[in-house]
Amino acid sequence: MGTIALDIDGTLRPFGGLLDADDISLMARYAELVVVSARADCKDVARRFGISVACCAGIDAPDKAECLRRIGPDRSGGKAYIADLPSDFDAARAAGWGWSDVNSLCLNIGAGATDFDGCINVDVRPLSTTHLVMNILDPWPFPDGSISKILAYDIIEHIPWRRQEELWGQISRKLKSGGTIVVRTPDMDLMYEKLIKPRDRRGFKYLYQSLSFWIGGGQDYPENTHLTFFTKDALLELARAFGLDGNCGDDGGTNLLCELRKL
C-alpha cells in the first residue's frame, strides 16, 4: 500500500481546503494516511480525521521535508504529499516524495510503473510507485469537480466494455469544468491497417501470437488483458456522451492519443 501525507491548512476542510472527513475516510481504504503540517496542533487535527500518524514541523522535526524523510523509511509503496503551497512541493521533492497540489489535482490512473511530477499514481497493483492502490472503478476519494487533470495511458482498454459508462461517469463527475483527460488506447483501425491486414508478426513466432498480443493485450498478469476496443470515432462518441470533447490523433504507432476537456 502507498502512503499519502496530508497538509492541514489549505488542504483539509474546515481549514480552507477541499478534502473533507468523508474523502479522508475513503482515501484510507487505498493508502496509509499521515498528516504533515507546520501547525502546533497537527496531532489533534489528525485524530479528528481518524489519522494516527502526524508530524508537526517545528516540533517533531525541523521542517516538513524532515517530517517526510522520517515517515518514509517505514512504509512501502509510493509516497505522495497533498498540499497547497510551492514550498510544500519543494519539501516533498527534497524528501524524495511525490506530490500533488490540492487546488490543481492530477491523477495518473492505471499508472503501472509510470510516475509524473505533480500526479497521484493510482493502480490496482501495489507497485513501488503506486500511491493509491485501488480499482479505478471504485469510488475516487476526491470531491466531485476537484480534479484538474487525469492521465489515462494504456488503461481504459482494460476495463470491461459493460462498465465503460460507469468509468466515464466518474471521470466526468470528478473533473473540474475545463479539466482535461489525456487518453492513450489501442486504435482498432490503426491496428488493422498497420498489423492485421499486412499480417505483421512483429517478432512473434506465429501469426496468431502477434494478432492476440496486439488485439488482446500482453496477458502476462491478470489485469493485462484488453476488454474494450476503440476507434477514434468510438472513443469520441463515448466521451461526448459524458460532456467531454477534444482532439484525437495517434502516437505514431497503433494507439489513439486524445486530449479531452470537460465542457
C-alpha atoms as a PDB file:
ATOM      1  CA  MET A   1       0.000   0.000   0.000  1.00  0.00           C
ATOM      2  CA  GLY A   2       1.190   3.510  -0.746  1.00  0.00           C
ATOM      3  CA  THR A   3       1.377   6.428   1.661  1.00  0.00           C
ATOM      4  CA  ILE A   4      -0.374   9.774   1.330  1.00  0.00           C
ATOM      5  CA  ALA A   5       0.722  12.641   3.561  1.00  0.00           C
ATOM      6  CA  LEU A   6      -1.810  15.442   4.001  1.00  0.00           C
ATOM      7  CA  ASP A   7      -1.173  19.023   4.953  1.00  0.00           C
ATOM      8  CA  ILE A   8      -3.846  20.795   7.013  1.00  0.00           C
ATOM      9  CA  ASP A   9      -4.160  24.500   6.169  1.00  0.00           C
ATOM     10  CA  GLY A  10      -5.369  24.935   2.604  1.00  0.00           C
ATOM     11  CA  THR A  11      -5.815  21.175   2.177  1.00  0.00           C
ATOM     12  CA  LEU A  12      -8.418  19.908   4.652  1.00  0.00           C
ATOM     13  CA  ARG A  13     -11.891  21.135   5.437  1.00  0.00           C
ATOM     14  CA  PRO A  14     -12.620  23.192   7.550  1.00  0.00           C
ATOM     15  CA  PHE A  15      -9.080  24.585   7.244  1.00  0.00           C
ATOM     16  CA  GLY A  16      -9.534  26.293   3.879  1.00  0.00           C
ATOM     17  CA  GLY A  17      -9.074  23.152   1.796  1.00  0.00           C
ATOM     18  CA  LEU A  18     -11.083  20.698  -0.316  1.00  0.00           C
ATOM     19  CA  LEU A  19     -10.748  17.321   1.395  1.00  0.00           C
ATOM     20  CA  ASP A  20     -13.398  16.580   3.997  1.00  0.00           C
ATOM     21  CA  ALA A  21     -13.759  13.772   6.531  1.00  0.00           C
ATOM     22  CA  ASP A  22     -15.627  11.531   4.069  1.00  0.00           C
ATOM     23  CA  ASP A  23     -12.868  11.933   1.461  1.00  0.00           C
ATOM     24  CA  ILE A  24     -10.232  11.099   4.077  1.00  0.00           C
ATOM     25  CA  SER A  25     -12.152   8.043   5.292  1.00  0.00           C
ATOM     26  CA  LEU A  26     -12.442   6.758   1.715  1.00  0.00           C
ATOM     27  CA  MET A  27      -8.796   7.511   0.940  1.00  0.00           C
ATOM     28  CA  ALA A  28      -7.753   5.466   3.995  1.00  0.00           C
ATOM     29  CA  ARG A  29      -9.076   2.338   2.234  1.00  0.00           C
ATOM     30  CA  TYR A  30      -6.499   2.748  -0.512  1.00  0.00           C
ATOM     31  CA  ALA A  31      -3.421   4.213   1.214  1.00  0.00           C
ATOM     32  CA  GLU A  32      -1.779   4.706   4.577  1.00  0.00           C
ATOM     33  CA  LEU A  33      -2.515   8.272   5.659  1.00  0.00           C
ATOM     34  CA  VAL A  34      -0.343  10.595   7.699  1.00  0.00           C
ATOM     35  CA  VAL A  35      -0.513  14.298   8.461  1.00  0.00           C
ATOM     36  CA  VAL A  36       2.469  16.611   7.929  1.00  0.00           C
ATOM     37  CA  SER A  37       1.879  20.223   8.909  1.00  0.00           C
ATOM     38  CA  ALA A  38       3.514  23.250  10.486  1.00  0.00           C
ATOM     39  CA  ARG A  39       0.536  23.631  12.850  1.00  0.00           C
ATOM     40  CA  ALA A  40       1.364  23.049  16.509  1.00  0.00           C
ATOM     41  CA  ASP A  41      -1.942  21.197  16.913  1.00  0.00           C
ATOM     42  CA  CYS A  42      -1.385  18.893  13.942  1.00  0.00           C
ATOM     43  CA  LYS A  43      -1.685  15.731  16.035  1.00  0.00           C
ATOM     44  CA  ASP A  44      -5.045  16.843  17.420  1.00  0.00           C
ATOM     45  CA  VAL A  45      -6.306  17.662  13.921  1.00  0.00           C
ATOM     46  CA  ALA A  46      -5.065  14.299  12.630  1.00  0.00           C
ATOM     47  CA  ARG A  47      -7.028  12.500  15.340  1.00  0.00           C
ATOM     48  CA  ARG A  48     -10.163  14.431  14.323  1.00  0.00           C
ATOM     49  CA  PHE A  49      -9.839  12.848  10.877  1.00  0.00           C
ATOM     50  CA  GLY A  50      -9.038   9.379  12.227  1.00  0.00           C
ATOM     51  CA  ILE A  51      -5.346   9.552  11.247  1.00  0.00           C
ATOM     52  CA  SER A  52      -2.992   8.069  13.807  1.00  0.00           C
ATOM     53  CA  VAL A  53       0.358   9.314  12.484  1.00  0.00           C
ATOM     54  CA  ALA A  54       1.262  13.007  12.354  1.00  0.00           C
ATOM     55  CA  CYS A  55       4.463  15.030  12.275  1.00  0.00           C
ATOM     56  CA  CYS A  56       4.325  18.659  13.370  1.00  0.00           C
ATOM     57  CA  ALA A  57       7.125  20.555  11.618  1.00  0.00           C
ATOM     58  CA  GLY A  58       8.994  22.783  14.043  1.00  0.00           C
ATOM     59  CA  ILE A  59       8.112  20.478  16.947  1.00  0.00           C
ATOM     60  CA  ASP A  60       8.671  16.856  15.917  1.00  0.00           C
ATOM     61  CA  ALA A  61      11.172  17.714  13.168  1.00  0.00           C
ATOM     62  CA  PRO A  62      12.871  20.899  11.963  1.00  0.00           C
ATOM     63  CA  ASP A  63      10.724  21.222   8.831  1.00  0.00           C
ATOM     64  CA  LYS A  64       8.229  19.417   6.601  1.00  0.00           C
ATOM     65  CA  ALA A  65      10.919  17.817   4.453  1.00  0.00           C
ATOM     66  CA  GLU A  66      12.449  16.200   7.522  1.00  0.00           C
ATOM     67  CA  CYS A  67       8.998  15.048   8.676  1.00  0.00           C
ATOM     68  CA  LEU A  68       8.516  13.309   5.324  1.00  0.00           C
ATOM     69  CA  ARG A  69      12.011  11.786   5.469  1.00  0.00           C
ATOM     70  CA  ARG A  70      11.337  10.335   8.922  1.00  0.00           C
ATOM     71  CA  ILE A  71       7.974   8.895   7.896  1.00  0.00           C
ATOM     72  CA  GLY A  72       9.124   7.438   4.592  1.00  0.00           C
ATOM     73  CA  PRO A  73      11.535   4.600   5.506  1.00  0.00           C
ATOM     74  CA  ASP A  74       8.922   2.607   7.428  1.00  0.00           C
ATOM     75  CA  ARG A  75       6.498   2.492   4.513  1.00  0.00           C
ATOM     76  CA  SER A  76       6.459   0.561   1.258  1.00  0.00           C
ATOM     77  CA  GLY A  77       4.867   1.627  -1.996  1.00  0.00           C
ATOM     78  CA  GLY A  78       4.688   5.102  -3.465  1.00  0.00           C
ATOM     79  CA  LYS A  79       4.677   8.163  -1.240  1.00  0.00           C
ATOM     80  CA  ALA A  80       2.983  11.469  -2.066  1.00  0.00           C
ATOM     81  CA  TYR A  81       2.258  14.718  -0.222  1.00  0.00           C
ATOM     82  CA  ILE A  82      -1.021  16.531  -0.930  1.00  0.00           C
ATOM     83  CA  ALA A  83      -0.686  20.198  -0.007  1.00  0.00           C
ATOM     84  CA  ASP A  84      -1.247  23.662  -1.482  1.00  0.00           C
ATOM     85  CA  LEU A  85       1.972  25.714  -1.480  1.00  0.00           C
ATOM     86  CA  PRO A  86       5.067  25.608  -3.714  1.00  0.00           C
ATOM     87  CA  SER A  87       7.218  25.353  -0.583  1.00  0.00           C
ATOM     88  CA  ASP A  88       5.333  22.145   0.316  1.00  0.00           C
ATOM     89  CA  PHE A  89       6.094  20.657  -3.091  1.00  0.00           C
ATOM     90  CA  ASP A  90       9.751  21.615  -2.664  1.00  0.00           C
ATOM     91  CA  ALA A  91       9.733  19.812   0.698  1.00  0.00           C
ATOM     92  CA  ALA A  92       8.264  16.703  -0.933  1.00  0.00           C
ATOM     93  CA  ARG A  93      10.905  16.714  -3.663  1.00  0.00           C
ATOM     94  CA  ALA A  94      13.681  17.220  -1.106  1.00  0.00           C
ATOM     95  CA  ALA A  95      12.418  14.164   0.806  1.00  0.00           C
ATOM     96  CA  GLY A  96      12.078  12.027  -2.325  1.00  0.00           C
ATOM     97  CA  TRP A  97       8.274  12.045  -2.212  1.00  0.00           C
ATOM     98  CA  GLY A  98       5.770  12.673  -4.955  1.00  0.00           C
ATOM     99  CA  TRP A  99       3.254  15.460  -4.505  1.00  0.00           C
ATOM    100  CA  SER A 100       0.051  16.980  -5.845  1.00  0.00           C
ATOM    101  CA  ASP A 101      -1.474  20.430  -5.481  1.00  0.00           C
ATOM    102  CA  VAL A 102      -4.869  20.088  -3.778  1.00  0.00           C
ATOM    103  CA  ASN A 103      -6.099  23.054  -5.851  1.00  0.00           C
ATOM    104  CA  SER A 104      -4.947  21.536  -9.141  1.00  0.00           C
ATOM    105  CA  LEU A 105      -5.117  17.795  -8.548  1.00  0.00           C
ATOM    106  CA  CYS A 106      -3.692  15.411 -11.126  1.00  0.00           C
ATOM    107  CA  LEU A 107      -4.447  11.670 -11.170  1.00  0.00           C
ATOM    108  CA  ASN A 108      -2.414   9.145 -13.145  1.00  0.00           C
ATOM    109  CA  ILE A 109      -4.932   6.286 -13.376  1.00  0.00           C
ATOM    110  CA  GLY A 110      -3.772   2.776 -14.195  1.00  0.00           C
ATOM    111  CA  ALA A 111      -0.324   4.212 -13.592  1.00  0.00           C
ATOM    112  CA  GLY A 112       1.683   0.987 -13.602  1.00  0.00           C
ATOM    113  CA  ALA A 113       5.333   1.944 -13.183  1.00  0.00           C
ATOM    114  CA  THR A 114       4.901   5.459 -14.622  1.00  0.00           C
ATOM    115  CA  ASP A 115       5.452   8.442 -12.365  1.00  0.00           C
ATOM    116  CA  PHE A 116       4.639  12.014 -13.412  1.00  0.00           C
ATOM    117  CA  ASP A 117       5.643  15.028 -11.348  1.00  0.00           C
ATOM    118  CA  GLY A 118       2.628  16.512  -9.587  1.00  0.00           C
ATOM    119  CA  CYS A 119       0.333  13.495 -10.052  1.00  0.00           C
ATOM    120  CA  ILE A 120      -1.131  10.916  -7.692  1.00  0.00           C
ATOM    121  CA  ASN A 121      -0.490   7.425  -9.091  1.00  0.00           C
ATOM    122  CA  VAL A 122      -3.483   5.081  -8.980  1.00  0.00           C
ATOM    123  CA  ASP A 123      -3.180   1.377  -9.770  1.00  0.00           C
ATOM    124  CA  VAL A 124      -4.777  -1.884  -8.678  1.00  0.00           C
ATOM    125  CA  ARG A 125      -1.303  -3.319  -8.070  1.00  0.00           C
ATOM    126  CA  PRO A 126       0.792  -2.289  -5.038  1.00  0.00           C
ATOM    127  CA  LEU A 127       3.841  -1.248  -7.036  1.00  0.00           C
ATOM    128  CA  SER A 128       6.716   0.818  -5.685  1.00  0.00           C
ATOM    129  CA  THR A 129       5.309   3.937  -7.367  1.00  0.00           C
ATOM    130  CA  THR A 130       1.608   3.422  -6.546  1.00  0.00           C
ATOM    131  CA  HIS A 131       0.137   5.965  -4.129  1.00  0.00           C
ATOM    132  CA  LEU A 132      -3.499   4.780  -4.124  1.00  0.00           C
ATOM    133  CA  VAL A 133      -3.906   1.013  -4.504  1.00  0.00           C
ATOM    134  CA  MET A 134      -7.408   0.704  -5.926  1.00  0.00           C
ATOM    135  CA  ASN A 135      -9.500  -0.368  -8.871  1.00  0.00           C
ATOM    136  CA  ILE A 136     -10.304   2.750 -10.896  1.00  0.00           C
ATOM    137  CA  LEU A 137     -13.958   1.658 -10.936  1.00  0.00           C
ATOM    138  CA  ASP A 138     -14.045   2.092  -7.148  1.00  0.00           C
ATOM    139  CA  PRO A 139     -15.199   5.492  -5.804  1.00  0.00           C
ATOM    140  CA  TRP A 140     -12.387   8.019  -6.094  1.00  0.00           C
ATOM    141  CA  PRO A 141     -11.502   9.682  -2.769  1.00  0.00           C
ATOM    142  CA  PHE A 142     -11.737  13.244  -4.046  1.00  0.00           C
ATOM    143  CA  PRO A 143     -14.694  15.658  -4.185  1.00  0.00           C
ATOM    144  CA  ASP A 144     -16.701  15.982  -7.370  1.00  0.00           C
ATOM    145  CA  GLY A 145     -15.349  18.742  -9.586  1.00  0.00           C
ATOM    146  CA  SER A 146     -11.923  18.745  -7.898  1.00  0.00           C
ATOM    147  CA  ILE A 147      -9.594  17.109 -10.441  1.00  0.00           C
ATOM    148  CA  SER A 148      -7.780  19.333 -12.934  1.00  0.00           C
ATOM    149  CA  LYS A 149      -6.051  16.643 -14.979  1.00  0.00           C
ATOM    150  CA  ILE A 150      -6.318  12.898 -15.469  1.00  0.00           C
ATOM    151  CA  LEU A 151      -3.674  10.848 -17.268  1.00  0.00           C
ATOM    152  CA  ALA A 152      -5.073   7.593 -18.656  1.00  0.00           C
ATOM    153  CA  TYR A 153      -2.278   5.918 -20.589  1.00  0.00           C
ATOM    154  CA  ASP A 154      -2.953   2.334 -21.685  1.00  0.00           C
ATOM    155  CA  ILE A 155      -5.731   1.725 -19.164  1.00  0.00           C
ATOM    156  CA  ILE A 156      -9.266   2.223 -20.496  1.00  0.00           C
ATOM    157  CA  GLU A 157      -8.970  -0.792 -22.804  1.00  0.00           C
ATOM    158  CA  HIS A 158      -8.507  -2.972 -19.687  1.00  0.00           C
ATOM    159  CA  ILE A 159     -11.938  -2.021 -18.331  1.00  0.00           C
ATOM    160  CA  PRO A 160     -14.848  -4.306 -19.373  1.00  0.00           C
ATOM    161  CA  TRP A 161     -16.952  -2.765 -22.105  1.00  0.00           C
ATOM    162  CA  ARG A 162     -20.044  -3.206 -19.955  1.00  0.00           C
ATOM    163  CA  ARG A 163     -18.513  -0.875 -17.337  1.00  0.00           C
ATOM    164  CA  GLN A 164     -17.091   1.872 -19.564  1.00  0.00           C
ATOM    165  CA  GLU A 165     -20.045   4.179 -18.920  1.00  0.00           C
ATOM    166  CA  GLU A 166     -19.507   3.719 -15.184  1.00  0.00           C
ATOM    167  CA  LEU A 167     -15.856   4.742 -15.587  1.00  0.00           C
ATOM    168  CA  TRP A 168     -16.593   7.735 -17.793  1.00  0.00           C
ATOM    169  CA  GLY A 169     -19.361   8.877 -15.477  1.00  0.00           C
ATOM    170  CA  GLN A 170     -16.842   9.011 -12.641  1.00  0.00           C
ATOM    171  CA  ILE A 171     -14.265  10.774 -14.827  1.00  0.00           C
ATOM    172  CA  SER A 172     -16.831  13.422 -15.767  1.00  0.00           C
ATOM    173  CA  ARG A 173     -18.010  13.928 -12.174  1.00  0.00           C
ATOM    174  CA  LYS A 174     -14.547  14.310 -10.707  1.00  0.00           C
ATOM    175  CA  LEU A 175     -13.112  16.629 -13.361  1.00  0.00           C
ATOM    176  CA  LYS A 176     -13.432  20.355 -12.898  1.00  0.00           C
ATOM    177  CA  SER A 177     -15.173  22.328 -15.613  1.00  0.00           C
ATOM    178  CA  GLY A 178     -12.371  22.873 -18.120  1.00  0.00           C
ATOM    179  CA  GLY A 179     -10.370  19.975 -16.659  1.00  0.00           C
ATOM    180  CA  THR A 180      -8.677  17.591 -19.070  1.00  0.00           C
ATOM    181  CA  ILE A 181      -8.064  13.897 -19.532  1.00  0.00           C
ATOM    182  CA  VAL A 182      -5.289  12.560 -21.745  1.00  0.00           C
ATOM    183  CA  VAL A 183      -6.091   9.095 -23.095  1.00  0.00           C
ATOM    184  CA  ARG A 184      -3.852   6.658 -24.928  1.00  0.00           C
ATOM    185  CA  THR A 185      -5.504   3.451 -26.082  1.00  0.00           C
ATOM    186  CA  PRO A 186      -5.176   0.998 -28.992  1.00  0.00           C
ATOM    187  CA  ASP A 187      -6.962   2.056 -32.179  1.00  0.00           C
ATOM    188  CA  MET A 188      -8.570  -0.863 -33.987  1.00  0.00           C
ATOM    189  CA  ASP A 189      -8.438   0.989 -37.323  1.00  0.00           C
ATOM    190  CA  LEU A 190      -4.697   1.611 -36.984  1.00  0.00           C
ATOM    191  CA  MET A 191      -4.050  -1.956 -35.821  1.00  0.00           C
ATOM    192  CA  TYR A 192      -5.897  -3.330 -38.815  1.00  0.00           C
ATOM    193  CA  GLU A 193      -4.059  -1.134 -41.321  1.00  0.00           C
ATOM    194  CA  LYS A 194      -0.572  -1.496 -39.806  1.00  0.00           C
ATOM    195  CA  LEU A 195      -0.600  -5.026 -38.355  1.00  0.00           C
ATOM    196  CA  ILE A 196      -3.564  -7.232 -39.187  1.00  0.00           C
ATOM    197  CA  LYS A 197      -4.031  -6.509 -42.884  1.00  0.00           C
ATOM    198  CA  PRO A 198      -0.297  -6.866 -43.714  1.00  0.00           C
ATOM    199  CA  ARG A 199      -0.030  -9.891 -41.365  1.00  0.00           C
ATOM    200  CA  ASP A 200       2.817  -8.283 -39.427  1.00  0.00           C
ATOM    201  CA  ARG A 201       4.290 -10.752 -36.905  1.00  0.00           C
ATOM    202  CA  ARG A 202       6.421  -8.161 -35.074  1.00  0.00           C
ATOM    203  CA  GLY A 203       8.916 -10.707 -33.778  1.00  0.00           C
ATOM    204  CA  PHE A 204       6.399 -13.372 -32.752  1.00  0.00           C
ATOM    205  CA  LYS A 205       6.963 -16.966 -33.913  1.00  0.00           C
ATOM    206  CA  TYR A 206       3.368 -17.496 -35.014  1.00  0.00           C
ATOM    207  CA  LEU A 207       0.900 -15.081 -36.529  1.00  0.00           C
ATOM    208  CA  TYR A 208      -1.832 -15.919 -34.011  1.00  0.00           C
ATOM    209  CA  GLN A 209       0.507 -14.777 -31.219  1.00  0.00           C
ATOM    210  CA  SER A 210       1.056 -11.403 -32.851  1.00  0.00           C
ATOM    211  CA  LEU A 211      -2.648 -10.884 -33.510  1.00  0.00           C
ATOM    212  CA  SER A 212      -3.557 -11.942 -29.972  1.00  0.00           C
ATOM    213  CA  PHE A 213      -0.949  -9.656 -28.385  1.00  0.00           C
ATOM    214  CA  TRP A 214      -1.905  -6.541 -30.295  1.00  0.00           C
ATOM    215  CA  ILE A 215      -5.639  -7.035 -30.018  1.00  0.00           C
ATOM    216  CA  GLY A 216      -5.966  -8.774 -26.646  1.00  0.00           C
ATOM    217  CA  GLY A 217      -3.016  -7.362 -24.689  1.00  0.00           C
ATOM    218  CA  GLY A 218       0.060  -8.915 -23.099  1.00  0.00           C
ATOM    219  CA  GLN A 219      -1.906 -11.222 -20.775  1.00  0.00           C
ATOM    220  CA  ASP A 220       1.204 -11.708 -18.619  1.00  0.00           C
ATOM    221  CA  TYR A 221      -0.612 -10.754 -15.394  1.00  0.00           C
ATOM    222  CA  PRO A 222      -4.341 -10.865 -14.629  1.00  0.00           C
ATOM    223  CA  GLU A 223      -5.108  -7.203 -15.317  1.00  0.00           C
ATOM    224  CA  ASN A 224      -3.133  -7.021 -18.583  1.00  0.00           C
ATOM    225  CA  THR A 225      -5.924  -8.077 -20.931  1.00  0.00           C
ATOM    226  CA  HIS A 226      -7.808  -5.831 -23.357  1.00  0.00           C
ATOM    227  CA  LEU A 227     -11.552  -5.939 -22.706  1.00  0.00           C
ATOM    228  CA  THR A 228     -12.841  -2.936 -24.692  1.00  0.00           C
ATOM    229  CA  PHE A 229     -11.905  -1.913 -28.219  1.00  0.00           C
ATOM    230  CA  PHE A 230     -11.874   1.596 -29.638  1.00  0.00           C
ATOM    231  CA  THR A 231     -11.574   3.570 -32.829  1.00  0.00           C
ATOM    232  CA  LYS A 232     -11.300   7.355 -32.925  1.00  0.00           C
ATOM    233  CA  ASP A 233     -14.996   7.833 -33.596  1.00  0.00           C
ATOM    234  CA  ALA A 234     -15.992   5.271 -30.954  1.00  0.00           C
ATOM    235  CA  LEU A 235     -13.912   6.964 -28.251  1.00  0.00           C
ATOM    236  CA  LEU A 236     -15.124  10.466 -29.105  1.00  0.00           C
ATOM    237  CA  GLU A 237     -18.726   9.268 -29.160  1.00  0.00           C
ATOM    238  CA  LEU A 238     -18.347   7.877 -25.645  1.00  0.00           C
ATOM    239  CA  ALA A 239     -16.517  10.938 -24.305  1.00  0.00           C
ATOM    240  CA  ARG A 240     -19.086  13.360 -25.734  1.00  0.00           C
ATOM    241  CA  ALA A 241     -21.891  11.432 -24.069  1.00  0.00           C
ATOM    242  CA  PHE A 242     -20.306  12.436 -20.744  1.00  0.00           C
ATOM    243  CA  GLY A 243     -19.671  16.082 -21.553  1.00  0.00           C
ATOM    244  CA  LEU A 244     -16.073  15.818 -22.758  1.00  0.00           C
ATOM    245  CA  ASP A 245     -14.699  16.742 -26.157  1.00  0.00           C
ATOM    246  CA  GLY A 246     -11.377  17.392 -27.804  1.00  0.00           C
ATOM    247  CA  ASN A 247      -8.904  16.125 -30.345  1.00  0.00           C
ATOM    248  CA  CYS A 248      -7.576  12.660 -31.116  1.00  0.00           C
ATOM    249  CA  GLY A 249      -4.518  11.787 -33.129  1.00  0.00           C
ATOM    250  CA  ASP A 250      -2.172   8.830 -32.990  1.00  0.00           C
ATOM    251  CA  ASP A 251       1.084   8.243 -31.161  1.00  0.00           C
ATOM    252  CA  GLY A 252       2.972   7.259 -34.289  1.00  0.00           C
ATOM    253  CA  GLY A 253       2.166   3.597 -33.742  1.00  0.00           C
ATOM    254  CA  THR A 254      -1.173   1.873 -33.346  1.00  0.00           C
ATOM    255  CA  ASN A 255      -2.573   3.912 -30.455  1.00  0.00           C
ATOM    256  CA  LEU A 256      -5.018   6.763 -30.254  1.00  0.00           C
ATOM    257  CA  LEU A 257      -3.754   9.761 -28.291  1.00  0.00           C
ATOM    258  CA  CYS A 258      -6.575  12.077 -27.233  1.00  0.00           C
ATOM    259  CA  GLU A 259      -6.800  15.189 -25.087  1.00  0.00           C
ATOM    260  CA  LEU A 260     -10.358  15.749 -23.939  1.00  0.00           C
ATOM    261  CA  ARG A 261     -11.752  18.677 -21.971  1.00  0.00           C
ATOM    262  CA  LYS A 262     -14.815  18.763 -19.736  1.00  0.00           C
ATOM    263  CA  LEU A 263     -17.182  21.292 -21.243  1.00  0.00           C
END
